[in-house]
Structure formats: C-alpha cells, structure tokens
C-alpha cells in the first residue's frame, strides 16, 4: 500500500488536485485536518463538512495559491511532503512564499489525517523516520 500512497500524494500535487481539494473523494468520513497555530484556520477539523468549510475560508484569503511538492518521504501508512507554498493575497495583492511540510496518513486507501507545519525534521520523526 505504501507505493500507492506515495503515488497518490505525488499526483495530488503534480496535477494541482491538492489546491482544488481534488483529493476529497479519497478522504475518510472521519478524517482529521490539522493546521498549526499560526495558520489562517488553526486547529483540528474533523469530517468532510468541517474540512470543506475551512478550505473555503482559507481559499478566500488568496487571489491565487499553489503548493509544489519538492520531496516525498515514504513512511508506510504516512507520506511526508516537503512543499513550497506560493500565494497572492486577495485583499492586499501581496505575494507570499513559504516552506511547508505536509503529512498524509492513510488507512485502507483513504486519507484519515492530513497535517501541515513547517519543521521537516519534526514531521519525519513523528512518522518514525530519521529527522
């Protein structure tokens, strides 16, 4: 299953499906979506309704946005992705570029948890890989 998880995540970024929430059909009903405390929408969202609402609010903050995967790390049921996020503010027009780390966790072929932050080493250690 590990190779399928990695390939799914790779495609989500390569096709732009991540930014369009095109991975929604592959999300378990009880999925958790975890944002860090400094995110536009900090905290944990549970279930598709909460995740969709948070995604819409975050998307409204940007005129445009894009996540580009730089490196993927296979941790079996989890995939850690080193990402560059680029966006233009909806109100300000200001450009933003920041490094992020996304951790996808799968169960039975479905995404059961998505968490992002900024510390690659911490994310790798959290899934049992050397940070």
N, C-alpha and C. Protein backbone atom coordinates (compact mmCIF):
# COMPACT_ATOMS: atom_id res chain seq x y z
N UNK A 1 0.82 -1.21 0.00
CA UNK A 1 0.00 0.00 0.00
C UNK A 1 0.86 1.26 0.00
N UNK A 2 2.05 1.15 0.52
CA UNK A 2 2.93 2.30 0.65
C UNK A 2 3.20 2.98 -0.69
N UNK A 3 3.49 2.19 -1.73
CA UNK A 3 3.77 2.78 -3.03
C UNK A 3 2.55 3.50 -3.59
N UNK A 4 1.36 2.94 -3.37
CA UNK A 4 0.14 3.59 -3.84
C UNK A 4 -0.09 4.91 -3.11
N UNK A 5 0.21 4.94 -1.82
CA UNK A 5 0.05 6.18 -1.06
C UNK A 5 0.98 7.26 -1.59
N UNK A 6 2.23 6.90 -1.82
CA UNK A 6 3.21 7.87 -2.34
C UNK A 6 2.77 8.37 -3.71
N UNK A 7 2.35 7.47 -4.58
CA UNK A 7 1.93 7.86 -5.92
C UNK A 7 0.69 8.75 -5.88
N UNK A 8 -0.25 8.44 -5.01
CA UNK A 8 -1.45 9.26 -4.85
C UNK A 8 -1.06 10.69 -4.45
N UNK A 9 -0.19 10.81 -3.46
CA UNK A 9 0.24 12.13 -2.98
C UNK A 9 1.01 12.87 -4.07
N UNK A 10 1.89 12.17 -4.75
CA UNK A 10 2.66 12.80 -5.85
C UNK A 10 1.70 13.39 -6.89
N UNK A 11 0.69 12.61 -7.30
CA UNK A 11 -0.28 13.08 -8.29
C UNK A 11 -1.10 14.26 -7.77
N UNK A 12 -1.44 14.24 -6.49
CA UNK A 12 -2.25 15.33 -5.92
C UNK A 12 -1.57 16.68 -6.11
N UNK A 13 -0.26 16.72 -5.96
CA UNK A 13 0.47 17.98 -6.15
C UNK A 13 0.76 18.24 -7.62
N UNK A 14 1.17 17.21 -8.36
CA UNK A 14 1.57 17.39 -9.76
C UNK A 14 0.41 17.87 -10.63
N UNK A 15 -0.80 17.44 -10.33
CA UNK A 15 -1.96 17.81 -11.15
C UNK A 15 -2.69 19.04 -10.65
N UNK A 16 -2.27 19.58 -9.49
CA UNK A 16 -2.98 20.71 -8.91
C UNK A 16 -4.20 20.28 -8.11
N UNK A 17 -4.42 18.97 -8.02
CA UNK A 17 -5.57 18.46 -7.28
C UNK A 17 -5.54 18.81 -5.81
N UNK A 18 -4.35 18.98 -5.25
CA UNK A 18 -4.27 19.36 -3.84
C UNK A 18 -4.92 20.72 -3.63
N UNK A 19 -4.59 21.68 -4.47
CA UNK A 19 -5.10 23.04 -4.32
C UNK A 19 -6.59 23.16 -4.63
N UNK A 20 -7.12 22.26 -5.41
CA UNK A 20 -8.55 22.28 -5.73
C UNK A 20 -9.35 21.36 -4.82
N UNK A 21 -8.70 20.78 -3.80
CA UNK A 21 -9.29 19.78 -2.91
C UNK A 21 -9.83 18.62 -3.74
N UNK A 22 -9.11 18.32 -4.83
CA UNK A 22 -9.50 17.23 -5.71
C UNK A 22 -9.30 15.86 -5.08
N UNK A 23 -8.69 15.82 -3.91
CA UNK A 23 -8.49 14.55 -3.22
C UNK A 23 -9.65 14.21 -2.30
N UNK A 24 -10.68 15.06 -2.27
CA UNK A 24 -11.83 14.83 -1.39
C UNK A 24 -12.45 13.44 -1.52
N UNK A 25 -12.61 12.88 -2.73
CA UNK A 25 -13.21 11.54 -2.82
C UNK A 25 -12.40 10.46 -2.09
N UNK A 26 -11.15 10.75 -1.78
CA UNK A 26 -10.28 9.77 -1.14
C UNK A 26 -10.11 10.03 0.36
N UNK A 27 -10.95 10.89 0.90
CA UNK A 27 -10.89 11.26 2.32
C UNK A 27 -11.89 10.41 3.09
N UNK A 28 -11.43 9.80 4.17
CA UNK A 28 -12.31 9.02 5.04
C UNK A 28 -13.30 9.97 5.72
N UNK A 29 -14.52 9.51 5.98
CA UNK A 29 -15.53 10.38 6.61
C UNK A 29 -15.08 10.97 7.94
N UNK A 30 -14.22 10.25 8.67
CA UNK A 30 -13.78 10.73 9.98
C UNK A 30 -12.39 11.37 9.93
N UNK A 31 -11.97 11.80 8.74
CA UNK A 31 -10.64 12.39 8.55
C UNK A 31 -10.42 13.59 9.46
N UNK A 32 -9.16 13.75 9.89
CA UNK A 32 -8.75 14.94 10.63
C UNK A 32 -7.85 15.77 9.73
N UNK A 33 -8.05 17.08 9.76
CA UNK A 33 -7.24 18.03 9.02
C UNK A 33 -6.66 18.97 10.06
N UNK A 34 -5.33 18.96 10.22
CA UNK A 34 -4.68 19.67 11.32
C UNK A 34 -3.84 20.82 10.79
N UNK A 35 -4.18 22.02 11.21
CA UNK A 35 -3.43 23.22 10.87
C UNK A 35 -2.64 23.68 12.09
N UNK A 36 -1.44 24.23 11.89
CA UNK A 36 -0.64 24.74 13.02
C UNK A 36 -1.28 26.00 13.61
N UNK A 37 -0.80 26.38 14.77
CA UNK A 37 -1.38 27.51 15.50
C UNK A 37 -1.25 28.84 14.75
N UNK A 38 -0.28 28.95 13.82
CA UNK A 38 -0.10 30.21 13.10
C UNK A 38 -0.79 30.22 11.73
N UNK A 39 -1.62 29.23 11.45
CA UNK A 39 -2.33 29.16 10.17
C UNK A 39 -3.51 30.12 10.16
N UNK A 40 -4.03 30.41 8.97
CA UNK A 40 -5.23 31.23 8.84
C UNK A 40 -6.38 30.59 9.60
N UNK A 41 -6.49 29.28 9.52
CA UNK A 41 -7.52 28.50 10.21
C UNK A 41 -6.82 27.49 11.13
N UNK A 42 -6.31 27.92 12.29
CA UNK A 42 -5.59 26.99 13.16
C UNK A 42 -6.51 25.94 13.77
N UNK A 43 -5.91 24.83 14.19
CA UNK A 43 -6.65 23.81 14.92
C UNK A 43 -6.98 22.59 14.08
N UNK A 44 -7.82 21.73 14.64
CA UNK A 44 -8.18 20.46 14.04
C UNK A 44 -9.60 20.52 13.51
N UNK A 45 -9.76 20.06 12.26
CA UNK A 45 -11.09 19.93 11.66
C UNK A 45 -11.35 18.44 11.53
N UNK A 46 -12.55 18.02 11.86
CA UNK A 46 -12.91 16.60 11.77
C UNK A 46 -14.09 16.41 10.85
N UNK A 47 -13.94 15.52 9.89
CA UNK A 47 -15.02 15.22 8.96
C UNK A 47 -15.01 16.16 7.77
N UNK A 48 -15.64 15.70 6.69
CA UNK A 48 -15.61 16.45 5.44
C UNK A 48 -16.27 17.82 5.53
N UNK A 49 -17.38 17.95 6.26
CA UNK A 49 -18.05 19.25 6.33
C UNK A 49 -17.14 20.31 6.95
N UNK A 50 -16.48 19.98 8.06
CA UNK A 50 -15.57 20.94 8.70
C UNK A 50 -14.36 21.23 7.83
N UNK A 51 -13.83 20.20 7.17
CA UNK A 51 -12.66 20.39 6.31
C UNK A 51 -13.02 21.27 5.12
N UNK A 52 -14.16 21.01 4.48
CA UNK A 52 -14.59 21.84 3.35
C UNK A 52 -14.74 23.31 3.76
N UNK A 53 -15.39 23.55 4.88
CA UNK A 53 -15.62 24.92 5.35
C UNK A 53 -14.29 25.63 5.60
N UNK A 54 -13.35 24.95 6.23
CA UNK A 54 -12.04 25.56 6.49
C UNK A 54 -11.29 25.82 5.19
N UNK A 55 -11.38 24.90 4.24
CA UNK A 55 -10.74 25.08 2.94
C UNK A 55 -11.30 26.30 2.21
N UNK A 56 -12.62 26.46 2.24
CA UNK A 56 -13.25 27.62 1.57
C UNK A 56 -12.80 28.93 2.22
N UNK A 57 -12.76 28.97 3.54
CA UNK A 57 -12.34 30.20 4.22
C UNK A 57 -10.88 30.53 3.92
N UNK A 58 -10.03 29.52 3.93
CA UNK A 58 -8.61 29.76 3.63
C UNK A 58 -8.44 30.21 2.18
N UNK A 59 -9.14 29.57 1.26
CA UNK A 59 -9.04 29.93 -0.16
C UNK A 59 -9.50 31.36 -0.41
N UNK A 60 -10.47 31.84 0.35
CA UNK A 60 -10.97 33.20 0.19
C UNK A 60 -9.92 34.25 0.55
N UNK A 61 -8.90 33.85 1.31
CA UNK A 61 -7.84 34.77 1.71
C UNK A 61 -6.86 35.06 0.58
N UNK A 62 -6.90 34.23 -0.47
CA UNK A 62 -5.92 34.33 -1.54
C UNK A 62 -6.58 34.52 -2.89
N UNK A 63 -5.99 35.40 -3.68
CA UNK A 63 -6.41 35.56 -5.08
C UNK A 63 -5.99 34.32 -5.87
N UNK A 64 -4.81 33.83 -5.56
CA UNK A 64 -4.31 32.60 -6.18
C UNK A 64 -3.38 31.92 -5.18
N UNK A 65 -3.27 30.61 -5.30
CA UNK A 65 -2.35 29.87 -4.44
C UNK A 65 -1.95 28.57 -5.11
N UNK A 66 -0.79 28.09 -4.73
CA UNK A 66 -0.25 26.87 -5.31
C UNK A 66 0.71 26.21 -4.33
N UNK A 67 0.60 24.90 -4.21
CA UNK A 67 1.53 24.10 -3.41
C UNK A 67 2.34 23.23 -4.37
N UNK A 68 3.67 23.30 -4.25
CA UNK A 68 4.55 22.48 -5.10
C UNK A 68 5.34 21.53 -4.22
N UNK A 69 5.22 20.25 -4.51
CA UNK A 69 5.98 19.24 -3.77
C UNK A 69 7.43 19.26 -4.22
N UNK A 70 8.34 19.29 -3.26
CA UNK A 70 9.76 19.24 -3.57
C UNK A 70 10.31 17.83 -3.34
N UNK A 71 10.00 17.25 -2.18
CA UNK A 71 10.46 15.89 -1.86
C UNK A 71 9.37 15.16 -1.11
N UNK A 72 9.27 13.85 -1.37
CA UNK A 72 8.32 12.99 -0.68
C UNK A 72 9.09 11.94 0.11
N UNK A 73 8.59 11.61 1.29
CA UNK A 73 9.21 10.62 2.16
C UNK A 73 8.17 9.56 2.49
N UNK A 74 8.48 8.31 2.15
CA UNK A 74 7.58 7.19 2.37
C UNK A 74 7.77 6.65 3.78
N UNK A 75 6.69 6.67 4.56
CA UNK A 75 6.72 6.12 5.92
C UNK A 75 5.62 5.08 6.08
N UNK A 76 5.38 4.30 5.03
CA UNK A 76 4.37 3.25 5.10
C UNK A 76 2.97 3.82 5.00
N UNK A 77 2.26 3.88 6.11
CA UNK A 77 0.90 4.42 6.12
C UNK A 77 0.88 5.94 6.04
N UNK A 78 2.03 6.57 6.17
CA UNK A 78 2.12 8.04 6.08
C UNK A 78 3.10 8.44 4.98
N UNK A 79 2.84 9.61 4.41
CA UNK A 79 3.73 10.21 3.42
C UNK A 79 3.98 11.64 3.88
N UNK A 80 5.24 11.99 4.02
CA UNK A 80 5.63 13.35 4.39
C UNK A 80 6.12 14.05 3.13
N UNK A 81 5.66 15.29 2.94
CA UNK A 81 5.99 16.03 1.73
C UNK A 81 6.59 17.39 2.09
N UNK A 82 7.75 17.67 1.56
CA UNK A 82 8.35 18.99 1.68
C UNK A 82 7.76 19.83 0.55
N UNK A 83 7.16 20.97 0.89
CA UNK A 83 6.33 21.73 -0.04
C UNK A 83 6.75 23.20 -0.05
N UNK A 84 6.63 23.83 -1.21
CA UNK A 84 6.71 25.29 -1.30
C UNK A 84 5.30 25.79 -1.60
N UNK A 85 4.85 26.73 -0.77
CA UNK A 85 3.53 27.34 -0.94
C UNK A 85 3.74 28.75 -1.46
N UNK A 86 3.03 29.07 -2.55
CA UNK A 86 3.08 30.42 -3.13
C UNK A 86 1.65 30.92 -3.26
N UNK A 87 1.46 32.19 -2.89
CA UNK A 87 0.10 32.74 -2.96
C UNK A 87 0.17 34.25 -3.13
N UNK A 88 -0.96 34.80 -3.57
CA UNK A 88 -1.15 36.25 -3.65
C UNK A 88 -2.37 36.57 -2.81
N UNK A 89 -2.22 37.50 -1.89
CA UNK A 89 -3.32 37.88 -1.00
C UNK A 89 -4.49 38.45 -1.77
N UNK A 90 -5.70 38.06 -1.39
CA UNK A 90 -6.90 38.53 -2.08
C UNK A 90 -7.10 40.02 -1.89
N UNK A 91 -6.95 40.50 -0.68
CA UNK A 91 -7.19 41.92 -0.39
C UNK A 91 -5.96 42.78 -0.67
N UNK A 92 -4.79 42.29 -0.26
CA UNK A 92 -3.57 43.10 -0.34
C UNK A 92 -2.84 42.97 -1.67
N UNK A 93 -2.99 41.83 -2.33
CA UNK A 93 -2.22 41.57 -3.53
C UNK A 93 -0.78 41.18 -3.24
N UNK A 94 -0.44 41.12 -1.95
CA UNK A 94 0.93 40.78 -1.56
C UNK A 94 1.26 39.34 -1.93
N UNK A 95 2.51 39.15 -2.34
CA UNK A 95 2.99 37.81 -2.65
C UNK A 95 3.52 37.14 -1.39
N UNK A 96 3.24 35.86 -1.27
CA UNK A 96 3.69 35.07 -0.13
C UNK A 96 4.36 33.82 -0.68
N UNK A 97 5.50 33.47 -0.13
CA UNK A 97 6.14 32.20 -0.44
C UNK A 97 6.69 31.65 0.86
N UNK A 98 6.34 30.40 1.17
CA UNK A 98 6.83 29.79 2.39
C UNK A 98 7.01 28.30 2.21
N UNK A 99 7.94 27.76 2.98
CA UNK A 99 8.15 26.32 3.00
C UNK A 99 7.17 25.71 4.00
N UNK A 100 6.62 24.58 3.63
CA UNK A 100 5.70 23.85 4.49
C UNK A 100 6.06 22.37 4.45
N UNK A 101 5.53 21.64 5.41
CA UNK A 101 5.67 20.19 5.45
C UNK A 101 4.28 19.62 5.64
N UNK A 102 3.88 18.73 4.75
CA UNK A 102 2.56 18.11 4.81
C UNK A 102 2.73 16.63 5.14
N UNK A 103 1.94 16.15 6.08
CA UNK A 103 1.96 14.73 6.43
C UNK A 103 0.58 14.15 6.16
N UNK A 104 0.54 13.18 5.28
CA UNK A 104 -0.68 12.47 4.90
C UNK A 104 -0.65 11.11 5.57
N UNK A 105 -1.73 10.71 6.21
CA UNK A 105 -1.83 9.38 6.81
C UNK A 105 -3.03 8.66 6.20
N UNK A 106 -2.80 7.41 5.81
CA UNK A 106 -3.80 6.61 5.11
C UNK A 106 -4.22 5.40 5.94
N UNK A 107 -5.45 4.98 5.73
CA UNK A 107 -5.96 3.72 6.26
C UNK A 107 -6.90 3.14 5.21
N UNK A 108 -6.65 1.92 4.81
CA UNK A 108 -7.48 1.25 3.80
C UNK A 108 -7.66 2.09 2.54
N UNK A 109 -6.58 2.75 2.10
CA UNK A 109 -6.62 3.52 0.86
C UNK A 109 -7.28 4.88 0.97
N UNK A 110 -7.66 5.29 2.15
CA UNK A 110 -8.31 6.60 2.35
C UNK A 110 -7.43 7.49 3.23
N UNK A 111 -7.52 8.79 3.01
CA UNK A 111 -6.80 9.75 3.85
C UNK A 111 -7.57 9.87 5.17
N UNK A 112 -6.90 9.55 6.28
CA UNK A 112 -7.54 9.65 7.59
C UNK A 112 -7.01 10.83 8.40
N UNK A 113 -5.88 11.38 7.95
CA UNK A 113 -5.33 12.55 8.65
C UNK A 113 -4.42 13.29 7.69
N UNK A 114 -4.56 14.61 7.71
CA UNK A 114 -3.66 15.48 6.96
C UNK A 114 -3.22 16.55 7.94
N UNK A 115 -1.91 16.72 8.08
CA UNK A 115 -1.38 17.73 9.00
C UNK A 115 -0.27 18.48 8.31
N UNK A 116 -0.26 19.79 8.52
CA UNK A 116 0.85 20.55 7.96
C UNK A 116 1.49 21.40 9.03
N UNK A 117 2.76 21.70 8.77
CA UNK A 117 3.55 22.52 9.67
C UNK A 117 4.74 23.06 8.90
N UNK A 118 5.79 23.38 9.63
CA UNK A 118 6.95 24.00 8.98
C UNK A 118 8.27 23.28 9.27
N UNK A 119 8.26 22.30 10.16
CA UNK A 119 9.50 21.65 10.60
C UNK A 119 9.60 20.24 10.01
N UNK A 120 10.43 20.09 8.99
CA UNK A 120 10.58 18.80 8.32
C UNK A 120 11.10 17.73 9.27
N UNK A 121 12.10 18.04 10.05
CA UNK A 121 12.66 17.06 10.98
C UNK A 121 11.62 16.55 11.96
N UNK A 122 10.82 17.45 12.49
CA UNK A 122 9.77 17.07 13.44
C UNK A 122 8.73 16.16 12.76
N UNK A 123 8.35 16.50 11.54
CA UNK A 123 7.36 15.69 10.82
C UNK A 123 7.92 14.29 10.52
N UNK A 124 9.19 14.21 10.12
CA UNK A 124 9.79 12.92 9.85
C UNK A 124 9.88 12.07 11.12
N UNK A 125 10.28 12.67 12.21
CA UNK A 125 10.36 11.93 13.48
C UNK A 125 8.98 11.44 13.92
N UNK A 126 7.95 12.24 13.68
CA UNK A 126 6.59 11.88 14.09
C UNK A 126 6.09 10.61 13.39
N UNK A 127 6.60 10.33 12.20
CA UNK A 127 6.19 9.12 11.47
C UNK A 127 7.24 8.03 11.52
N UNK A 128 8.23 8.20 12.39
CA UNK A 128 9.22 7.15 12.60
C UNK A 128 10.41 7.17 11.65
N UNK A 129 10.60 8.28 10.95
CA UNK A 129 11.77 8.40 10.07
C UNK A 129 12.79 9.29 10.74
N UNK A 130 14.03 9.13 10.36
CA UNK A 130 15.12 9.94 10.90
C UNK A 130 14.93 11.39 10.48
N UNK A 131 14.96 12.33 11.42
CA UNK A 131 14.77 13.74 11.09
C UNK A 131 16.02 14.42 11.02
